[in-house]
């Protein structure tokens, strides 16, 4: 997982965009989900993407949403709520939200209000 920590978020973001757009969702919805999780506004998210920020630095700067712990389910065969390493769990939270968006889940349910 250490290798993933050093990946730039901008190297994965286009894959997130492809995934959600293939399913009829928008980049604005993707950015909204990322903003909800990290407390970054869309402009700041894109500044971090442009800067080549790693996942490690991205989440170090983020203020994780207090409801992030309500994100549950399986990503890559592992339950996100059972992941012990905080950074790994945060990355998987993001993956889970992107999956839910691509699956057509209602945005208000994704945002766990």
N, C-alpha and C. Protein backbone atom coordinates (compact mmCIF):
# COMPACT_ATOMS: atom_id res chain seq x y z
N UNK A 1 0.82 -1.19 0.00
CA UNK A 1 0.00 0.00 0.00
C UNK A 1 0.87 1.26 0.00
N UNK A 2 2.11 1.14 0.49
CA UNK A 2 2.99 2.30 0.52
C UNK A 2 3.14 2.94 -0.85
N UNK A 3 3.14 2.12 -1.90
CA UNK A 3 3.27 2.66 -3.26
C UNK A 3 2.08 3.56 -3.61
N UNK A 4 0.90 3.17 -3.16
CA UNK A 4 -0.30 3.96 -3.43
C UNK A 4 -0.21 5.30 -2.71
N UNK A 5 0.37 5.34 -1.52
CA UNK A 5 0.50 6.58 -0.77
C UNK A 5 1.27 7.63 -1.57
N UNK A 6 2.23 7.18 -2.36
CA UNK A 6 3.09 8.09 -3.12
C UNK A 6 2.56 8.41 -4.52
N UNK A 7 1.47 7.76 -4.92
CA UNK A 7 0.84 8.09 -6.19
C UNK A 7 0.25 9.49 -6.12
N UNK A 8 0.32 10.20 -7.22
CA UNK A 8 -0.35 11.50 -7.25
C UNK A 8 -1.85 11.27 -7.44
N UNK A 9 -2.63 12.06 -6.75
CA UNK A 9 -4.08 11.97 -6.89
C UNK A 9 -4.47 12.27 -8.33
N UNK A 10 -3.70 13.15 -8.98
CA UNK A 10 -4.00 13.52 -10.37
C UNK A 10 -3.81 12.35 -11.33
N UNK A 11 -3.03 11.34 -10.94
CA UNK A 11 -2.86 10.17 -11.82
C UNK A 11 -4.07 9.24 -11.74
N UNK A 12 -4.84 9.33 -10.65
CA UNK A 12 -6.00 8.46 -10.46
C UNK A 12 -7.30 9.19 -10.79
N UNK A 13 -7.31 10.50 -10.61
CA UNK A 13 -8.52 11.30 -10.83
C UNK A 13 -9.16 11.06 -12.21
N UNK A 14 -8.37 11.02 -13.31
CA UNK A 14 -9.00 10.75 -14.61
C UNK A 14 -9.72 9.40 -14.67
N UNK A 15 -9.22 8.43 -13.92
CA UNK A 15 -9.88 7.12 -13.86
C UNK A 15 -11.21 7.23 -13.12
N UNK A 16 -11.22 8.04 -12.06
CA UNK A 16 -12.49 8.30 -11.36
C UNK A 16 -13.47 8.97 -12.31
N UNK A 17 -13.00 9.96 -13.06
CA UNK A 17 -13.86 10.68 -14.00
C UNK A 17 -14.43 9.70 -15.04
N UNK A 18 -13.57 8.88 -15.62
CA UNK A 18 -14.03 7.89 -16.61
C UNK A 18 -15.10 6.99 -16.02
N UNK A 19 -14.85 6.51 -14.81
CA UNK A 19 -15.77 5.57 -14.17
C UNK A 19 -17.15 6.19 -13.97
N UNK A 20 -17.19 7.42 -13.45
CA UNK A 20 -18.49 8.02 -13.17
C UNK A 20 -19.18 8.48 -14.45
N UNK A 21 -18.42 9.01 -15.41
CA UNK A 21 -19.04 9.46 -16.67
C UNK A 21 -19.59 8.31 -17.48
N UNK A 22 -18.92 7.16 -17.44
CA UNK A 22 -19.43 5.97 -18.14
C UNK A 22 -20.81 5.58 -17.65
N UNK A 23 -21.07 5.91 -16.39
CA UNK A 23 -22.35 5.57 -15.78
C UNK A 23 -23.33 6.74 -15.75
N UNK A 24 -23.00 7.81 -16.51
CA UNK A 24 -23.94 8.92 -16.63
C UNK A 24 -23.86 9.96 -15.52
N UNK A 25 -22.83 9.90 -14.70
CA UNK A 25 -22.66 10.90 -13.65
C UNK A 25 -21.70 11.98 -14.15
N UNK A 26 -21.56 13.05 -13.40
CA UNK A 26 -20.79 14.20 -13.87
C UNK A 26 -19.54 14.43 -13.02
N UNK A 27 -18.61 15.19 -13.60
CA UNK A 27 -17.40 15.60 -12.88
C UNK A 27 -17.81 16.47 -11.68
N UNK A 28 -18.82 17.29 -11.84
CA UNK A 28 -19.28 18.14 -10.73
C UNK A 28 -19.74 17.27 -9.55
N UNK A 29 -20.44 16.17 -9.86
CA UNK A 29 -20.86 15.27 -8.78
C UNK A 29 -19.65 14.60 -8.13
N UNK A 30 -18.69 14.20 -8.94
CA UNK A 30 -17.46 13.61 -8.41
C UNK A 30 -16.75 14.60 -7.49
N UNK A 31 -16.60 15.84 -7.94
CA UNK A 31 -15.96 16.86 -7.12
C UNK A 31 -16.73 17.12 -5.84
N UNK A 32 -18.04 17.06 -5.92
CA UNK A 32 -18.86 17.27 -4.71
C UNK A 32 -18.60 16.17 -3.69
N UNK A 33 -18.50 14.94 -4.16
CA UNK A 33 -18.23 13.81 -3.27
C UNK A 33 -16.83 13.95 -2.64
N UNK A 34 -15.85 14.32 -3.45
CA UNK A 34 -14.49 14.52 -2.93
C UNK A 34 -14.48 15.66 -1.92
N UNK A 35 -15.17 16.73 -2.22
CA UNK A 35 -15.24 17.87 -1.31
C UNK A 35 -15.91 17.49 0.01
N UNK A 36 -16.96 16.70 -0.08
CA UNK A 36 -17.65 16.26 1.14
C UNK A 36 -16.69 15.47 2.03
N UNK A 37 -15.95 14.55 1.44
CA UNK A 37 -15.04 13.70 2.22
C UNK A 37 -13.89 14.50 2.82
N UNK A 38 -13.32 15.41 2.04
CA UNK A 38 -12.06 16.06 2.44
C UNK A 38 -12.23 17.46 3.04
N UNK A 39 -13.38 18.07 2.86
CA UNK A 39 -13.65 19.46 3.25
C UNK A 39 -12.91 20.47 2.37
N UNK A 40 -12.31 20.03 1.26
CA UNK A 40 -11.73 20.94 0.28
C UNK A 40 -12.84 21.41 -0.65
N UNK A 41 -12.81 22.67 -1.05
CA UNK A 41 -13.75 23.07 -2.09
C UNK A 41 -13.19 22.59 -3.44
N UNK A 42 -14.01 22.65 -4.46
CA UNK A 42 -13.63 22.13 -5.77
C UNK A 42 -12.37 22.81 -6.32
N UNK A 43 -12.26 24.11 -6.10
CA UNK A 43 -11.08 24.85 -6.58
C UNK A 43 -9.82 24.30 -5.92
N UNK A 44 -9.88 24.09 -4.61
CA UNK A 44 -8.70 23.57 -3.89
C UNK A 44 -8.37 22.15 -4.34
N UNK A 45 -9.39 21.33 -4.57
CA UNK A 45 -9.15 19.97 -5.07
C UNK A 45 -8.35 20.05 -6.37
N UNK A 46 -8.78 20.91 -7.28
CA UNK A 46 -8.10 21.00 -8.58
C UNK A 46 -6.72 21.65 -8.47
N UNK A 47 -6.52 22.52 -7.51
CA UNK A 47 -5.17 23.06 -7.27
C UNK A 47 -4.24 21.94 -6.81
N UNK A 48 -4.73 21.08 -5.93
CA UNK A 48 -3.93 19.94 -5.44
C UNK A 48 -3.66 18.96 -6.58
N UNK A 49 -4.64 18.75 -7.43
CA UNK A 49 -4.44 17.88 -8.59
C UNK A 49 -3.36 18.46 -9.50
N UNK A 50 -3.47 19.76 -9.79
CA UNK A 50 -2.49 20.43 -10.66
C UNK A 50 -1.09 20.40 -10.07
N UNK A 51 -0.99 20.40 -8.75
CA UNK A 51 0.31 20.40 -8.09
C UNK A 51 0.93 19.00 -8.02
N UNK A 52 0.18 17.98 -8.43
CA UNK A 52 0.71 16.61 -8.38
C UNK A 52 0.78 16.05 -6.97
N UNK A 53 -0.09 16.52 -6.10
CA UNK A 53 -0.11 16.10 -4.70
C UNK A 53 -0.32 14.59 -4.57
N UNK A 54 0.47 13.97 -3.70
CA UNK A 54 0.34 12.53 -3.46
C UNK A 54 -0.89 12.28 -2.58
N UNK A 55 -1.36 11.03 -2.59
CA UNK A 55 -2.46 10.67 -1.71
C UNK A 55 -2.09 10.95 -0.25
N UNK A 56 -0.85 10.66 0.12
CA UNK A 56 -0.41 10.90 1.48
C UNK A 56 -0.54 12.37 1.86
N UNK A 57 -0.07 13.26 1.01
CA UNK A 57 -0.15 14.69 1.30
C UNK A 57 -1.58 15.22 1.17
N UNK A 58 -2.32 14.68 0.21
CA UNK A 58 -3.72 15.08 0.00
C UNK A 58 -4.53 14.87 1.27
N UNK A 59 -4.43 13.66 1.83
CA UNK A 59 -5.22 13.36 3.02
C UNK A 59 -4.61 13.98 4.28
N UNK A 60 -3.30 14.26 4.28
CA UNK A 60 -2.69 14.94 5.42
C UNK A 60 -3.24 16.36 5.54
N UNK A 61 -3.57 16.98 4.40
CA UNK A 61 -4.11 18.34 4.39
C UNK A 61 -5.63 18.38 4.59
N UNK A 62 -6.28 17.25 4.38
CA UNK A 62 -7.74 17.19 4.44
C UNK A 62 -8.25 17.22 5.88
N UNK A 63 -9.45 17.73 6.03
CA UNK A 63 -10.20 17.61 7.28
C UNK A 63 -11.33 16.65 6.97
N UNK A 64 -11.11 15.39 7.30
CA UNK A 64 -12.09 14.36 6.94
C UNK A 64 -13.46 14.67 7.54
N UNK A 65 -14.48 14.48 6.74
CA UNK A 65 -15.85 14.71 7.19
C UNK A 65 -16.12 13.83 8.41
N UNK A 66 -16.76 14.40 9.45
CA UNK A 66 -17.04 13.60 10.65
C UNK A 66 -17.92 12.38 10.37
N UNK A 67 -18.68 12.41 9.29
CA UNK A 67 -19.53 11.27 8.95
C UNK A 67 -18.83 10.25 8.06
N UNK A 68 -17.55 10.44 7.79
CA UNK A 68 -16.81 9.49 6.95
C UNK A 68 -16.82 8.09 7.55
N UNK A 69 -16.87 8.01 8.87
CA UNK A 69 -16.88 6.68 9.50
C UNK A 69 -18.17 5.90 9.20
N UNK A 70 -19.16 6.58 8.64
CA UNK A 70 -20.41 5.91 8.24
C UNK A 70 -20.26 5.20 6.89
N UNK A 71 -19.13 5.41 6.23
CA UNK A 71 -18.88 4.74 4.95
C UNK A 71 -18.51 3.30 5.26
N UNK A 72 -19.32 2.39 4.76
CA UNK A 72 -19.09 0.97 4.99
C UNK A 72 -19.22 0.23 3.67
N UNK A 73 -18.75 -0.98 3.66
CA UNK A 73 -18.87 -1.81 2.47
C UNK A 73 -17.52 -2.39 2.08
N UNK A 74 -17.53 -3.04 0.93
CA UNK A 74 -16.35 -3.77 0.49
C UNK A 74 -15.72 -3.10 -0.73
N UNK A 75 -14.41 -2.92 -0.66
CA UNK A 75 -13.61 -2.45 -1.79
C UNK A 75 -12.46 -3.44 -1.93
N UNK A 76 -12.29 -3.98 -3.12
CA UNK A 76 -11.21 -4.95 -3.38
C UNK A 76 -11.24 -6.11 -2.38
N UNK A 77 -12.43 -6.52 -2.02
CA UNK A 77 -12.59 -7.67 -1.13
C UNK A 77 -12.33 -7.39 0.34
N UNK A 78 -12.15 -6.13 0.69
CA UNK A 78 -11.86 -5.77 2.08
C UNK A 78 -12.91 -4.77 2.57
N UNK A 79 -13.43 -5.00 3.76
CA UNK A 79 -14.41 -4.09 4.34
C UNK A 79 -13.70 -2.79 4.76
N UNK A 80 -14.16 -1.66 4.25
CA UNK A 80 -13.49 -0.40 4.53
C UNK A 80 -13.51 -0.05 6.01
N UNK A 81 -14.57 -0.44 6.69
CA UNK A 81 -14.67 -0.11 8.12
C UNK A 81 -13.69 -0.92 8.98
N UNK A 82 -13.11 -1.99 8.42
CA UNK A 82 -12.17 -2.84 9.16
C UNK A 82 -10.71 -2.51 8.88
N UNK A 83 -10.44 -1.57 7.99
CA UNK A 83 -9.06 -1.23 7.65
C UNK A 83 -8.45 -0.47 8.83
N UNK A 84 -7.30 -0.94 9.28
CA UNK A 84 -6.68 -0.35 10.47
C UNK A 84 -5.80 0.86 10.17
N UNK A 85 -5.10 0.86 9.05
CA UNK A 85 -4.23 1.98 8.72
C UNK A 85 -5.09 3.18 8.30
N UNK A 86 -4.97 4.31 9.00
CA UNK A 86 -5.85 5.46 8.70
C UNK A 86 -5.75 5.97 7.26
N UNK A 87 -4.56 6.08 6.70
CA UNK A 87 -4.43 6.59 5.34
C UNK A 87 -5.03 5.61 4.33
N UNK A 88 -4.76 4.35 4.50
CA UNK A 88 -5.35 3.34 3.62
C UNK A 88 -6.87 3.41 3.69
N UNK A 89 -7.41 3.57 4.89
CA UNK A 89 -8.85 3.65 5.05
C UNK A 89 -9.41 4.90 4.36
N UNK A 90 -8.71 6.02 4.46
CA UNK A 90 -9.18 7.24 3.81
C UNK A 90 -9.20 7.10 2.29
N UNK A 91 -8.17 6.48 1.75
CA UNK A 91 -8.12 6.25 0.30
C UNK A 91 -9.26 5.33 -0.11
N UNK A 92 -9.52 4.30 0.67
CA UNK A 92 -10.61 3.37 0.36
C UNK A 92 -11.98 4.02 0.54
N UNK A 93 -12.09 4.95 1.49
CA UNK A 93 -13.34 5.71 1.61
C UNK A 93 -13.62 6.42 0.29
N UNK A 94 -12.60 7.07 -0.24
CA UNK A 94 -12.75 7.78 -1.52
C UNK A 94 -13.14 6.82 -2.62
N UNK A 95 -12.47 5.68 -2.69
CA UNK A 95 -12.80 4.67 -3.69
C UNK A 95 -14.26 4.22 -3.56
N UNK A 96 -14.70 4.01 -2.33
CA UNK A 96 -16.07 3.55 -2.08
C UNK A 96 -17.08 4.61 -2.53
N UNK A 97 -16.81 5.88 -2.25
CA UNK A 97 -17.72 6.95 -2.66
C UNK A 97 -17.80 7.04 -4.18
N UNK A 98 -16.65 6.90 -4.84
CA UNK A 98 -16.64 6.93 -6.31
C UNK A 98 -17.44 5.75 -6.86
N UNK A 99 -17.27 4.58 -6.27
CA UNK A 99 -18.05 3.41 -6.69
C UNK A 99 -19.54 3.65 -6.53
N UNK A 100 -19.94 4.19 -5.39
CA UNK A 100 -21.36 4.44 -5.15
C UNK A 100 -21.92 5.45 -6.15
N UNK A 101 -21.14 6.47 -6.46
CA UNK A 101 -21.57 7.46 -7.45
C UNK A 101 -21.75 6.79 -8.80
N UNK A 102 -20.78 5.96 -9.19
CA UNK A 102 -20.85 5.27 -10.48
C UNK A 102 -22.00 4.27 -10.53
N UNK A 103 -22.37 3.74 -9.38
CA UNK A 103 -23.48 2.77 -9.33
C UNK A 103 -24.84 3.44 -9.38
N UNK A 104 -24.85 4.77 -9.39
CA UNK A 104 -26.12 5.48 -9.51
C UNK A 104 -26.80 5.78 -8.19
N UNK A 105 -26.10 5.58 -7.09
CA UNK A 105 -26.70 5.85 -5.79
C UNK A 105 -27.02 7.34 -5.67
N UNK A 106 -28.10 7.65 -5.02
CA UNK A 106 -28.52 9.03 -4.80
C UNK A 106 -27.43 9.80 -4.07
N UNK A 107 -27.14 11.00 -4.55
CA UNK A 107 -26.04 11.80 -4.00
C UNK A 107 -26.22 12.09 -2.51
N UNK A 108 -27.43 12.30 -2.07
CA UNK A 108 -27.67 12.59 -0.64
C UNK A 108 -27.35 11.36 0.22
N UNK A 109 -27.57 10.17 -0.30
CA UNK A 109 -27.21 8.95 0.44
C UNK A 109 -25.71 8.75 0.46
N UNK A 110 -25.05 9.08 -0.65
CA UNK A 110 -23.59 8.97 -0.72
C UNK A 110 -22.96 9.88 0.33
N UNK A 111 -23.53 11.07 0.52
CA UNK A 111 -22.97 12.05 1.43
C UNK A 111 -23.32 11.79 2.90
N UNK A 112 -24.02 10.73 3.16
CA UNK A 112 -24.30 10.27 4.54
C UNK A 112 -24.72 11.41 5.48
N UNK A 113 -25.79 12.04 5.12
CA UNK A 113 -26.28 13.17 5.94
C UNK A 113 -27.14 12.70 7.07
